[in-house]
PDB file of N, CA and C in Angstrom:
ATOM      1  N   MET A   1      50.275 145.899 172.174  1.00  0.00           N
ATOM      2  CA  MET A   1      51.710 145.990 172.037  1.00  0.00           C
ATOM      3  C   MET A   1      52.184 147.433 172.204  1.00  0.00           C
ATOM      4  N   SER A   2      51.574 148.360 171.467  1.00  0.00           N
ATOM      5  CA  SER A   2      52.032 149.746 171.551  1.00  0.00           C
ATOM      6  C   SER A   2      51.738 150.340 172.929  1.00  0.00           C
ATOM      7  N   GLU A   3      50.638 149.912 173.556  1.00  0.00           N
ATOM      8  CA  GLU A   3      50.318 150.404 174.893  1.00  0.00           C
ATOM      9  C   GLU A   3      51.356 149.932 175.910  1.00  0.00           C
ATOM     10  N   GLU A   4      51.811 148.707 175.766  1.00  0.00           N
ATOM     11  CA  GLU A   4      52.859 148.190 176.653  1.00  0.00           C
ATOM     12  C   GLU A   4      54.166 148.940 176.437  1.00  0.00           C
ATOM     13  N   LEU A   5      54.454 149.259 175.190  1.00  0.00           N
ATOM     14  CA  LEU A   5      55.672 149.994 174.872  1.00  0.00           C
ATOM     15  C   LEU A   5      55.633 151.403 175.474  1.00  0.00           C
ATOM     16  N   ILE A   6      54.493 152.062 175.337  1.00  0.00           N
ATOM     17  CA  ILE A   6      54.338 153.399 175.916  1.00  0.00           C
ATOM     18  C   ILE A   6      54.482 153.341 177.426  1.00  0.00           C
ATOM     19  N   ARG A   7      53.850 152.352 178.042  1.00  0.00           N
ATOM     20  CA  ARG A   7      53.923 152.198 179.495  1.00  0.00           C
ATOM     21  C   ARG A   7      55.369 151.945 179.946  1.00  0.00           C
ATOM     22  N   ALA A   8      56.111 151.159 179.184  1.00  0.00           N
ATOM     23  CA  ALA A   8      57.501 150.865 179.535  1.00  0.00           C
ATOM     24  C   ALA A   8      58.376 152.113 179.424  1.00  0.00           C
ATOM     25  N   ILE A   9      58.147 152.906 178.393  1.00  0.00           N
ATOM     26  CA  ILE A   9      58.939 154.124 178.211  1.00  0.00           C
ATOM     27  C   ILE A   9      58.601 155.146 179.294  1.00  0.00           C
ATOM     28  N   GLU A  10      57.298 155.310 179.587  1.00  0.00           N
ATOM     29  CA  GLU A  10      56.888 156.286 180.596  1.00  0.00           C
ATOM     30  C   GLU A  10      57.352 155.901 181.993  1.00  0.00           C
ATOM     31  N   SER A  11      57.451 154.615 182.264  1.00  0.00           N
ATOM     32  CA  SER A  11      57.819 154.180 183.612  1.00  0.00           C
ATOM     33  C   SER A  11      59.245 154.599 183.982  1.00  0.00           C
ATOM     34  N   ARG A  12      60.084 154.879 182.995  1.00  0.00           N
ATOM     35  CA  ARG A  12      61.438 155.338 183.294  1.00  0.00           C
ATOM     36  C   ARG A  12      61.445 156.717 183.931  1.00  0.00           C
ATOM     37  N   TYR A  13      60.423 157.523 183.650  1.00  0.00           N
ATOM     38  CA  TYR A  13      60.391 158.900 184.119  1.00  0.00           C
ATOM     39  C   TYR A  13      59.556 159.089 185.378  1.00  0.00           C
ATOM     40  N   LEU A  14      58.992 158.026 185.920  1.00  0.00           N
ATOM     41  CA  LEU A  14      58.194 158.126 187.137  1.00  0.00           C
ATOM     42  C   LEU A  14      59.114 158.325 188.338  1.00  0.00           C
ATOM     43  N   ARG A  15      58.685 159.175 189.259  1.00  0.00           N
ATOM     44  CA  ARG A  15      59.474 159.438 190.463  1.00  0.00           C
ATOM     45  C   ARG A  15      58.965 158.582 191.608  1.00  0.00           C
ATOM     46  N   ASP A  16      59.886 158.092 192.408  1.00  0.00           N
ATOM     47  CA  ASP A  16      59.502 157.310 193.582  1.00  0.00           C
ATOM     48  C   ASP A  16      60.094 157.901 194.865  1.00  0.00           C
ATOM     49  N   ASP A  17      60.667 159.105 194.760  1.00  0.00           N
ATOM     50  CA  ASP A  17      61.295 159.721 195.930  1.00  0.00           C
ATOM     51  C   ASP A  17      60.355 160.657 196.691  1.00  0.00           C
ATOM     52  N   LEU A  18      59.115 160.805 196.239  1.00  0.00           N
ATOM     53  CA  LEU A  18      58.157 161.689 196.908  1.00  0.00           C
ATOM     54  C   LEU A  18      57.375 160.919 197.960  1.00  0.00           C
ATOM     55  N   PRO A  19      56.985 161.579 199.049  1.00  0.00           N
ATOM     56  CA  PRO A  19      56.192 160.887 200.071  1.00  0.00           C
ATOM     57  C   PRO A  19      54.773 160.632 199.560  1.00  0.00           C
ATOM     58  N   GLU A  20      54.102 159.689 200.180  1.00  0.00           N
ATOM     59  CA  GLU A  20      52.724 159.403 199.802  1.00  0.00           C
ATOM     60  C   GLU A  20      51.819 160.429 200.474  1.00  0.00           C
ATOM     61  N   PHE A  21      51.001 161.094 199.687  1.00  0.00           N
ATOM     62  CA  PHE A  21      50.034 162.049 200.227  1.00  0.00           C
ATOM     63  C   PHE A  21      48.741 161.920 199.443  1.00  0.00           C
ATOM     64  N   LYS A  22      47.656 162.347 200.097  1.00  0.00           N
ATOM     65  CA  LYS A  22      46.326 162.153 199.532  1.00  0.00           C
ATOM     66  C   LYS A  22      45.574 163.472 199.493  1.00  0.00           C
ATOM     67  N   VAL A  23      44.372 163.417 198.925  1.00  0.00           N
ATOM     68  CA  VAL A  23      43.499 164.585 198.901  1.00  0.00           C
ATOM     69  C   VAL A  23      43.120 164.934 200.336  1.00  0.00           C
ATOM     70  N   GLY A  24      43.169 166.211 200.673  1.00  0.00           N
ATOM     71  CA  GLY A  24      42.859 166.667 202.024  1.00  0.00           C
ATOM     72  C   GLY A  24      44.089 166.915 202.870  1.00  0.00           C
ATOM     73  N   ASP A  25      45.231 166.410 202.467  1.00  0.00           N
ATOM     74  CA  ASP A  25      46.464 166.637 203.218  1.00  0.00           C
ATOM     75  C   ASP A  25      46.966 168.065 202.986  1.00  0.00           C
ATOM     76  N   THR A  26      47.573 168.633 204.010  1.00  0.00           N
ATOM     77  CA  THR A  26      48.237 169.925 203.873  1.00  0.00           C
ATOM     78  C   THR A  26      49.695 169.649 203.549  1.00  0.00           C
ATOM     79  N   VAL A  27      50.149 170.168 202.412  1.00  0.00           N
ATOM     80  CA  VAL A  27      51.506 169.891 201.951  1.00  0.00           C
ATOM     81  C   VAL A  27      52.233 171.196 201.660  1.00  0.00           C
ATOM     82  N   ARG A  28      53.556 171.116 201.690  1.00  0.00           N
ATOM     83  CA  ARG A  28      54.400 172.216 201.252  1.00  0.00           C
ATOM     84  C   ARG A  28      55.182 171.702 200.047  1.00  0.00           C
ATOM     85  N   VAL A  29      54.957 172.336 198.902  1.00  0.00           N
ATOM     86  CA  VAL A  29      55.562 171.915 197.638  1.00  0.00           C
ATOM     87  C   VAL A  29      56.700 172.874 197.311  1.00  0.00           C
ATOM     88  N   TYR A  30      57.874 172.338 197.052  1.00  0.00           N
ATOM     89  CA  TYR A  30      59.030 173.135 196.650  1.00  0.00           C
ATOM     90  C   TYR A  30      59.207 172.949 195.149  1.00  0.00           C
ATOM     91  N   PHE A  31      58.948 174.028 194.388  1.00  0.00           N
ATOM     92  CA  PHE A  31      58.970 173.959 192.928  1.00  0.00           C
ATOM     93  C   PHE A  31      60.034 174.912 192.397  1.00  0.00           C
ATOM     94  N   ARG A  32      60.859 174.434 191.486  1.00  0.00           N
ATOM     95  CA  ARG A  32      61.934 175.225 190.920  1.00  0.00           C
ATOM     96  C   ARG A  32      61.369 176.094 189.797  1.00  0.00           C
ATOM     97  N   ILE A  33      61.511 177.410 189.932  1.00  0.00           N
ATOM     98  CA  ILE A  33      61.019 178.318 188.900  1.00  0.00           C
ATOM     99  C   ILE A  33      62.185 179.107 188.323  1.00  0.00           C
ATOM    100  N   ARG A  34      62.001 179.576 187.101  1.00  0.00           N
ATOM    101  CA  ARG A  34      63.036 180.333 186.414  1.00  0.00           C
ATOM    102  C   ARG A  34      62.550 181.767 186.232  1.00  0.00           C
ATOM    103  N   GLU A  35      63.358 182.708 186.684  1.00  0.00           N
ATOM    104  CA  GLU A  35      63.075 184.130 186.510  1.00  0.00           C
ATOM    105  C   GLU A  35      64.226 184.731 185.719  1.00  0.00           C
ATOM    106  N   GLY A  36      63.988 184.985 184.468  1.00  0.00           N
ATOM    107  CA  GLY A  36      65.053 185.491 183.607  1.00  0.00           C
ATOM    108  C   GLY A  36      66.092 184.408 183.382  1.00  0.00           C
ATOM    109  N   ASP A  37      67.324 184.682 183.802  1.00  0.00           N
ATOM    110  CA  ASP A  37      68.373 183.674 183.652  1.00  0.00           C
ATOM    111  C   ASP A  37      68.715 183.009 184.981  1.00  0.00           C
ATOM    112  N   LYS A  38      67.940 183.332 186.046  1.00  0.00           N
ATOM    113  CA  LYS A  38      68.187 182.739 187.359  1.00  0.00           C
ATOM    114  C   LYS A  38      67.112 181.711 187.689  1.00  0.00           C
ATOM    115  N   GLU A  39      67.487 180.749 188.509  1.00  0.00           N
ATOM    116  CA  GLU A  39      66.540 179.745 188.994  1.00  0.00           C
ATOM    117  C   GLU A  39      66.506 179.789 190.504  1.00  0.00           C
ATOM    118  N   ARG A  40      65.315 179.576 191.067  1.00  0.00           N
ATOM    119  CA  ARG A  40      65.194 179.497 192.517  1.00  0.00           C
ATOM    120  C   ARG A  40      64.073 178.531 192.856  1.00  0.00           C
ATOM    121  N   VAL A  41      64.055 178.098 194.115  1.00  0.00           N
ATOM    122  CA  VAL A  41      63.036 177.164 194.586  1.00  0.00           C
ATOM    123  C   VAL A  41      61.986 177.961 195.347  1.00  0.00           C
ATOM    124  N   GLN A  42      60.737 177.790 194.947  1.00  0.00           N
ATOM    125  CA  GLN A  42      59.632 178.530 195.555  1.00  0.00           C
ATOM    126  C   GLN A  42      58.725 177.563 196.309  1.00  0.00           C
ATOM    127  N   PRO A  43      58.542 177.751 197.626  1.00  0.00           N
ATOM    128  CA  PRO A  43      57.620 176.884 198.368  1.00  0.00           C
ATOM    129  C   PRO A  43      56.177 177.363 198.214  1.00  0.00           C
ATOM    130  N   PHE A  44      55.248 176.416 198.196  1.00  0.00           N
ATOM    131  CA  PHE A  44      53.816 176.717 198.110  1.00  0.00           C
ATOM    132  C   PHE A  44      53.117 175.742 199.040  1.00  0.00           C
ATOM    133  N   GLU A  45      52.452 176.269 200.075  1.00  0.00           N
ATOM    134  CA  GLU A  45      51.816 175.416 201.081  1.00  0.00           C
ATOM    135  C   GLU A  45      50.308 175.565 201.000  1.00  0.00           C
ATOM    136  N   GLY A  46      49.601 174.429 201.077  1.00  0.00           N
ATOM    137  CA  GLY A  46      48.149 174.464 201.049  1.00  0.00           C
ATOM    138  C   GLY A  46      47.561 173.070 201.134  1.00  0.00           C
ATOM    139  N   VAL A  47      46.244 172.991 200.915  1.00  0.00           N
ATOM    140  CA  VAL A  47      45.498 171.733 200.989  1.00  0.00           C
ATOM    141  C   VAL A  47      45.406 171.137 199.591  1.00  0.00           C
ATOM    142  N   VAL A  48      45.640 169.839 199.478  1.00  0.00           N
ATOM    143  CA  VAL A  48      45.523 169.152 198.196  1.00  0.00           C
ATOM    144  C   VAL A  48      44.041 169.006 197.865  1.00  0.00           C
ATOM    145  N   LEU A  49      43.617 169.609 196.739  1.00  0.00           N
ATOM    146  CA  LEU A  49      42.213 169.550 196.326  1.00  0.00           C
ATOM    147  C   LEU A  49      41.901 168.335 195.478  1.00  0.00           C
ATOM    148  N   ARG A  50      42.832 167.958 194.602  1.00  0.00           N
ATOM    149  CA  ARG A  50      42.541 166.858 193.683  1.00  0.00           C
ATOM    150  C   ARG A  50      43.815 166.273 193.100  1.00  0.00           C
ATOM    151  N   PHE A  51      43.680 165.060 192.616  1.00  0.00           N
ATOM    152  CA  PHE A  51      44.664 164.416 191.761  1.00  0.00           C
ATOM    153  C   PHE A  51      43.987 164.193 190.422  1.00  0.00           C
ATOM    154  N   GLN A  52      44.750 164.266 189.338  1.00  0.00           N
ATOM    155  CA  GLN A  52      44.169 164.078 188.024  1.00  0.00           C
ATOM    156  C   GLN A  52      45.212 163.440 187.120  1.00  0.00           C
ATOM    157  N   GLY A  53      44.774 162.603 186.190  1.00  0.00           N
ATOM    158  CA  GLY A  53      45.670 161.988 185.231  1.00  0.00           C
ATOM    159  C   GLY A  53      46.256 160.688 185.749  1.00  0.00           C
ATOM    160  N   ALA A  54      47.147 160.115 184.945  1.00  0.00           N
ATOM    161  CA  ALA A  54      47.762 158.838 185.285  1.00  0.00           C
ATOM    162  C   ALA A  54      49.208 158.827 184.790  1.00  0.00           C
ATOM    163  N   MET A  55      49.965 157.897 185.327  1.00  0.00           N
ATOM    164  CA  MET A  55      51.373 157.694 184.964  1.00  0.00           C
ATOM    165  C   MET A  55      52.159 159.005 185.089  1.00  0.00           C
ATOM    166  N   ASN A  56      52.935 159.362 184.066  1.00  0.00           N
ATOM    167  CA  ASN A  56      53.769 160.554 184.208  1.00  0.00           C
ATOM    168  C   ASN A  56      53.014 161.847 183.892  1.00  0.00           C
ATOM    169  N   ARG A  57      51.748 161.759 183.503  1.00  0.00           N
ATOM    170  CA  ARG A  57      50.921 162.947 183.290  1.00  0.00           C
ATOM    171  C   ARG A  57      50.090 163.285 184.523  1.00  0.00           C
ATOM    172  N   ARG A  58      50.334 162.626 185.634  1.00  0.00           N
ATOM    173  CA  ARG A  58      49.548 162.833 186.855  1.00  0.00           C
ATOM    174  C   ARG A  58      49.866 164.202 187.464  1.00  0.00           C
ATOM    175  N   THR A  59      48.817 164.939 187.833  1.00  0.00           N
ATOM    176  CA  THR A  59      48.976 166.251 188.441  1.00  0.00           C
ATOM    177  C   THR A  59      48.174 166.313 189.731  1.00  0.00           C
ATOM    178  N   PHE A  60      48.517 167.277 190.570  1.00  0.00           N
ATOM    179  CA  PHE A  60      47.741 167.530 191.780  1.00  0.00           C
ATOM    180  C   PHE A  60      47.604 169.036 191.959  1.00  0.00           C
ATOM    181  N   THR A  61      46.479 169.436 192.546  1.00  0.00           N
ATOM    182  CA  THR A  61      46.172 170.847 192.737  1.00  0.00           C
ATOM    183  C   THR A  61      46.196 171.174 194.219  1.00  0.00           C
ATOM    184  N   VAL A  62      46.882 172.256 194.569  1.00  0.00           N
ATOM    185  CA  VAL A  62      47.017 172.700 195.955  1.00  0.00           C
ATOM    186  C   VAL A  62      46.365 174.076 196.071  1.00  0.00           C
ATOM    187  N   ARG A  63      45.596 174.276 197.151  1.00  0.00           N
ATOM    188  CA  ARG A  63      44.898 175.550 197.375  1.00  0.00           C
ATOM    189  C   ARG A  63      45.304 176.139 198.715  1.00  0.00           C
ATOM    190  N   ARG A  64      45.516 177.444 198.717  1.00  0.00           N
ATOM    191  CA  ARG A  64      45.769 178.155 199.963  1.00  0.00           C
ATOM    192  C   ARG A  64      45.090 179.519 199.897  1.00  0.00           C
ATOM    193  N   ILE A  65      44.880 180.107 201.064  1.00  0.00           N
ATOM    194  CA  ILE A  65      44.275 181.430 201.159  1.00  0.00           C
ATOM    195  C   ILE A  65      45.392 182.432 201.425  1.00  0.00           C
ATOM    196  N   THR A  66      45.539 183.423 200.549  1.00  0.00           N
ATOM    197  CA  THR A  66      46.571 184.437 200.689  1.00  0.00           C
ATOM    198  C   THR A  66      45.924 185.808 200.609  1.00  0.00           C
ATOM    199  N   GLY A  67      45.995 186.553 201.688  1.00  0.00           N
ATOM    200  CA  GLY A  67      45.428 187.895 201.709  1.00  0.00           C
ATOM    201  C   GLY A  67      43.930 187.910 201.478  1.00  0.00           C
ATOM    202  N   GLY A  68      43.239 186.894 201.942  1.00  0.00           N
ATOM    203  CA  GLY A  68      41.794 186.815 201.774  1.00  0.00           C
ATOM    204  C   GLY A  68      41.352 186.277 200.428  1.00  0.00           C
ATOM    205  N   LEU A  69      42.284 185.962 199.550  1.00  0.00           N
ATOM    206  CA  LEU A  69      41.963 185.406 198.242  1.00  0.00           C
ATOM    207  C   LEU A  69      42.447 183.968 198.161  1.00  0.00           C
ATOM    208  N   GLY A  70      41.671 183.120 197.543  1.00  0.00           N
ATOM    209  CA  GLY A  70      42.075 181.734 197.337  1.00  0.00           C
ATOM    210  C   GLY A  70      42.992 181.627 196.137  1.00  0.00           C
ATOM    211  N   VAL A  71      44.114 180.955 196.317  1.00  0.00           N
ATOM    212  CA  VAL A  71      45.081 180.753 195.239  1.00  0.00           C
ATOM    213  C   VAL A  71      45.246 179.257 195.038  1.00  0.00           C
ATOM    214  N   GLU A  72      45.040 178.796 193.809  1.00  0.00           N
ATOM    215  CA  GLU A  72      45.222 177.383 193.484  1.00  0.00           C
ATOM    216  C   GLU A  72      46.352 177.248 192.485  1.00  0.00           C
ATOM    217  N   ARG A  73      47.126 176.202 192.663  1.00  0.00           N
ATOM    218  CA  ARG A  73      48.224 175.943 191.742  1.00  0.00           C
ATOM    219  C   ARG A  73      48.279 174.455 191.455  1.00  0.00           C
ATOM    220  N   THR A  74      48.437 174.106 190.196  1.00  0.00           N
ATOM    221  CA  THR A  74      48.495 172.711 189.776  1.00  0.00           C
ATOM    222  C   THR A  74      49.940 172.355 189.462  1.00  0.00           C
ATOM    223  N   PHE A  75      50.394 171.232 190.024  1.00  0.00           N
ATOM    224  CA  PHE A  75      51.769 170.785 189.846  1.00  0.00           C
ATOM    225  C   PHE A  75      51.788 169.424 189.162  1.00  0.00           C
ATOM    226  N   PRO A  76      52.685 169.209 188.206  1.00  0.00           N
ATOM    227  CA  PRO A  76      52.887 167.862 187.668  1.00  0.00           C
ATOM    228  C   PRO A  76      53.649 167.017 188.691  1.00  0.00           C
ATOM    229  N   LEU A  77      53.128 165.849 188.991  1.00  0.00           N
ATOM    230  CA  LEU A  77      53.679 165.026 190.068  1.00  0.00           C
ATOM    231  C   LEU A  77      55.074 164.494 189.745  1.00  0.00           C
ATOM    232  N   HIS A  78      55.331 164.157 188.496  1.00  0.00           N
ATOM    233  CA  HIS A  78      56.605 163.534 188.134  1.00  0.00           C
ATOM    234  C   HIS A  78      57.548 164.497 187.415  1.00  0.00           C
ATOM    235  N   SER A  79      57.359 165.794 187.618  1.00  0.00           N
ATOM    236  CA  SER A  79      58.183 166.795 186.953  1.00  0.00           C
ATOM    237  C   SER A  79      59.573 166.862 187.583  1.00  0.00           C
ATOM    238  N   PRO A  80      60.610 167.043 186.771  1.00  0.00           N
ATOM    239  CA  PRO A  80      61.945 167.233 187.345  1.00  0.00           C
ATOM    240  C   PRO A  80      62.085 168.589 188.048  1.00  0.00           C
ATOM    241  N   ARG A  81      61.194 169.534 187.789  1.00  0.00           N
ATOM    242  CA  ARG A  81      61.213 170.832 188.466  1.00  0.00           C
ATOM    243  C   ARG A  81      60.649 170.754 189.879  1.00  0.00           C
ATOM    244  N   LEU A  82      59.960 169.687 190.195  1.00  0.00           N
ATOM    245  CA  LEU A  82      59.410 169.494 191.535  1.00  0.00           C
ATOM    246  C   LEU A  82      60.549 169.039 192.442  1.00  0.00           C
ATOM    247  N   GLU A  83      60.986 169.941 193.305  1.00  0.00           N
ATOM    248  CA  GLU A  83      62.149 169.669 194.158  1.00  0.00           C
ATOM    249  C   GLU A  83      61.810 168.647 195.239  1.00  0.00           C
ATOM    250  N   LYS A  84      60.778 168.945 196.048  1.00  0.00           N
ATOM    251  CA  LYS A  84      60.337 168.011 197.080  1.00  0.00           C
ATOM    252  C   LYS A  84      58.953 168.400 197.557  1.00  0.00           C
ATOM    253  N   VAL A  85      58.297 167.466 198.241  1.00  0.00           N
ATOM    254  CA  VAL A  85      56.974 167.682 198.817  1.00  0.00           C
ATOM    255  C   VAL A  85      57.048 167.259 200.273  1.00  0.00           C
ATOM    256  N   GLU A  86      56.649 168.159 201.180  1.00  0.00           N
ATOM    257  CA  GLU A  86      56.595 167.836 202.610  1.00  0.00           C
ATOM    258  C   GLU A  86      55.137 167.759 203.027  1.00  0.00           C
ATOM    259  N   VAL A  87      54.770 166.702 203.734  1.00  0.00           N
ATOM    260  CA  VAL A  87      53.415 166.581 204.261  1.00  0.00           C
ATOM    261  C   VAL A  87      53.394 167.240 205.634  1.00  0.00           C
ATOM    262  N   ILE A  88      52.606 168.298 205.775  1.00  0.00           N
ATOM    263  CA  ILE A  88      52.513 169.041 207.027  1.00  0.00           C
ATOM    264  C   ILE A  88      51.478 168.403 207.948  1.00  0.00           C
ATOM    265  N   ARG A  89      50.287 168.144 207.418  1.00  0.00           N
ATOM    266  CA  ARG A  89      49.187 167.534 208.175  1.00  0.00           C
ATOM    267  C   ARG A  89      48.479 166.528 207.289  1.00  0.00           C
ATOM    268  N   ARG A  90      47.983 165.479 207.908  1.00  0.00           N
ATOM    269  CA  ARG A  90      47.156 164.505 207.195  1.00  0.00           C
ATOM    270  C   ARG A  90      45.697 164.900 207.373  1.00  0.00           C
ATOM    271  N   GLY A  91      44.960 164.985 206.288  1.00  0.00           N
ATOM    272  CA  GLY A  91      43.558 165.377 206.362  1.00  0.00           C
ATOM    273  C   GLY A  91      42.634 164.187 206.231  1.00  0.00           C
ATOM    274  N   LYS A  92      41.490 164.272 206.907  1.00  0.00           N
ATOM    275  CA  LYS A  92      40.491 163.206 206.853  1.00  0.00           C
ATOM    276  C   LYS A  92      39.296 163.726 206.063  1.00  0.00           C
ATOM    277  N   VAL A  93      39.140 163.253 204.840  1.00  0.00           N
ATOM    278  CA  VAL A  93      38.046 163.693 203.974  1.00  0.00           C
ATOM    279  C   VAL A  93      37.357 162.472 203.382  1.00  0.00           C
ATOM    280  N   ARG A  94      36.142 162.689 202.875  1.00  0.00           N
ATOM    281  CA  ARG A  94      35.367 161.596 202.298  1.00  0.00           C
ATOM    282  C   ARG A  94      35.061 161.834 200.825  1.00  0.00           C
ATOM    283  N   ARG A  95      35.829 162.679 200.200  1.00  0.00           N
ATOM    284  CA  ARG A  95      35.644 162.996 198.788  1.00  0.00           C
ATOM    285  C   ARG A  95      36.983 162.898 198.068  1.00  0.00           C
ATOM    286  N   ALA A  96      36.921 162.635 196.770  1.00  0.00           N
ATOM    287  CA  ALA A  96      38.131 162.586 195.960  1.00  0.00           C
ATOM    288  C   ALA A  96      38.504 163.962 195.428  1.00  0.00           C
ATOM    289  N   LYS A  97      37.524 164.836 195.288  1.00  0.00           N
ATOM    290  CA  LYS A  97      37.753 166.202 194.820  1.00  0.00           C
ATOM    291  C   LYS A  97      37.129 167.158 195.833  1.00  0.00           C
ATOM    292  N   LEU A  98      37.897 168.093 196.328  1.00  0.00           N
ATOM    293  CA  LEU A  98      37.430 168.996 197.380  1.00  0.00           C
ATOM    294  C   LEU A  98      37.069 170.367 196.817  1.00  0.00           C
ATOM    295  N   TYR A  99      36.284 170.388 195.756  1.00  0.00           N
ATOM    296  CA  TYR A  99      35.903 171.653 195.131  1.00  0.00           C
ATOM    297  C   TYR A  99      35.019 172.497 196.036  1.00  0.00           C
ATOM    298  N   TYR A 100      34.354 171.881 197.003  1.00  0.00           N
ATOM    299  CA  TYR A 100      33.481 172.638 197.894  1.00  0.00           C
ATOM    300  C   TYR A 100      34.268 173.606 198.774  1.00  0.00           C
ATOM    301  N   LEU A 101      35.569 173.415 198.918  1.00  0.00           N
ATOM    302  CA  LEU A 101      36.385 174.338 199.712  1.00  0.00           C
ATOM    303  C   LEU A 101      36.527 175.700 199.033  1.00  0.00           C
ATOM    304  N   ARG A 102      36.266 175.766 197.732  1.00  0.00           N
ATOM    305  CA  ARG A 102      36.373 177.035 197.014  1.00  0.00           C
ATOM    306  C   ARG A 102      35.331 178.039 197.490  1.00  0.00           C
ATOM    307  N   ASP A 103      34.187 177.546 197.940  1.00  0.00           N
ATOM    308  CA  ASP A 103      33.106 178.429 198.383  1.00  0.00           C
ATOM    309  C   ASP A 103      33.223 178.804 199.850  1.00  0.00           C
ATOM    310  N   ARG A 104      34.133 178.215 200.573  1.00  0.00           N
ATOM    311  CA  ARG A 104      34.227 178.433 202.018  1.00  0.00           C
ATOM    312  C   ARG A 104      35.441 179.277 202.362  1.00  0.00           C
ATOM    313  N   MET A 105      35.272 180.076 203.405  1.00  0.00           N
ATOM    314  CA  MET A 105      36.363 180.932 203.859  1.00  0.00           C
ATOM    315  C   MET A 105      36.551 180.741 205.360  1.00  0.00           C
ATOM    316  N   GLY A 106      37.718 181.048 205.851  1.00  0.00           N
ATOM    317  CA  GLY A 106      37.990 181.013 207.285  1.00  0.00           C
ATOM    318  C   GLY A 106      37.927 179.616 207.870  1.00  0.00           C
ATOM    319  N   LYS A 107      37.268 179.511 209.028  1.00  0.00           N
ATOM    320  CA  LYS A 107      37.214 178.232 209.731  1.00  0.00           C
ATOM    321  C   LYS A 107      36.392 177.192 208.992  1.00  0.00           C
ATOM    322  N   ALA A 108      35.476 177.620 208.147  1.00  0.00           N
ATOM    323  CA  ALA A 108      34.649 176.671 207.396  1.00  0.00           C
ATOM    324  C   ALA A 108      35.468 175.908 206.359  1.00  0.00           C
ATOM    325  N   ALA A 109      36.622 176.435 205.985  1.00  0.00           N
ATOM    326  CA  ALA A 109      37.459 175.799 204.972  1.00  0.00           C
ATOM    327  C   ALA A 109      38.467 174.824 205.574  1.00  0.00           C
ATOM    328  N   ARG A 110      38.346 174.548 206.868  1.00  0.00           N
ATOM    329  CA  ARG A 110      39.286 173.621 207.500  1.00  0.00           C
ATOM    330  C   ARG A 110      38.967 172.181 207.128  1.00  0.00           C
ATOM    331  N   VAL A 111      39.984 171.341 207.179  1.00  0.00           N
ATOM    332  CA  VAL A 111      39.848 169.906 206.950  1.00  0.00           C
ATOM    333  C   VAL A 111      40.236 169.213 208.242  1.00  0.00           C
ATOM    334  N   ARG A 112      39.418 168.239 208.658  1.00  0.00           N
ATOM    335  CA  ARG A 112      39.741 167.521 209.897  1.00  0.00           C
ATOM    336  C   ARG A 112      41.041 166.748 209.734  1.00  0.00           C
ATOM    337  N   GLU A 113      41.744 166.593 210.850  1.00  0.00           N
ATOM    338  CA  GLU A 113      43.036 165.904 210.817  1.00  0.00           C
ATOM    339  C   GLU A 113      42.845 164.411 211.006  1.00  0.00           C
ATOM    340  N   ARG A 114      43.654 163.638 210.282  1.00  0.00           N
ATOM    341  CA  ARG A 114      43.617 162.185 210.367  1.00  0.00           C
ATOM    342  C   ARG A 114      44.721 161.746 211.318  1.00  0.00           C
ATOM    343  N   PHE A 115      44.334 160.990 212.345  1.00  0.00           N
ATOM    344  CA  PHE A 115      45.294 160.514 213.338  1.00  0.00           C
ATOM    345  C   PHE A 115      45.506 159.023 213.162  1.00  0.00           C
ATOM    346  N   TYR A 116      46.703 158.584 213.494  1.00  0.00           N
ATOM    347  CA  TYR A 116      47.045 157.170 213.415  1.00  0.00           C
ATOM    348  C   TYR A 116      47.368 156.651 214.801  1.00  0.00           C
ATOM    349  N   THR A 117      46.907 155.442 215.085  1.00  0.00           N
ATOM    350  CA  THR A 117      47.371 154.746 216.272  1.00  0.00           C
ATOM    351  C   THR A 117      48.502 153.828 215.838  1.00  0.00           C
ATOM    352  N   GLN A 118      49.070 153.110 216.765  1.00  0.00           N
ATOM    353  CA  GLN A 118      50.228 152.276 216.446  1.00  0.00           C
ATOM    354  C   GLN A 118      49.894 151.180 215.440  1.00  0.00           C
ATOM    355  N   GLY A 119      48.699 150.589 215.536  1.00  0.00           N
ATOM    356  CA  GLY A 119      48.376 149.434 214.704  1.00  0.00           C
ATOM    357  C   GLY A 119      47.812 149.736 213.331  1.00  0.00           C
ATOM    358  N   ASN A 120      47.023 150.799 213.175  1.00  0.00           N
ATOM    359  CA  ASN A 120      46.342 151.009 211.896  1.00  0.00           C
ATOM    360  C   ASN A 120      46.906 152.204 211.147  1.00  0.00           C
ATOM    361  N   LYS A 121      47.874 151.975 210.311  1.00  0.00           N
ATOM    362  CA  LYS A 121      48.451 153.024 209.485  1.00  0.00           C
ATOM    363  C   LYS A 121      48.027 152.791 208.051  1.00  0.00           C
ATOM    364  N   LYS A 122      47.047 153.546 207.575  1.00  0.00           N
ATOM    365  CA  LYS A 122      46.562 153.386 206.198  1.00  0.00           C
ATOM    366  C   LYS A 122      46.946 154.565 205.372  1.00  0.00           C
TER     367      LYS A 122
END
């Protein structure tokens, strides 16, 4: 009973306006940040390394290389501060967590692109 009640309350806060994206996809995340008394939208582009959690506690981690250093940032998927997510490229991977990309630099850190034909869109 209490689990159903929690699920019903949490379902009100779930977002359905975001595009579907998976691990390995290159995305651009627009996140609203506050600096002092001002707010602005900050884009962050990179490869999705993982998804974690469930329902409204679900998060995803995005990694990019900036100035030769790897930068990872974790975003809450259903946060009201998450302005929008754009899928830049679809990646073809065979793992749910891409932690092995942390050890790779340059061309070795690339993810193959997933292509769709007219009939098979998964």
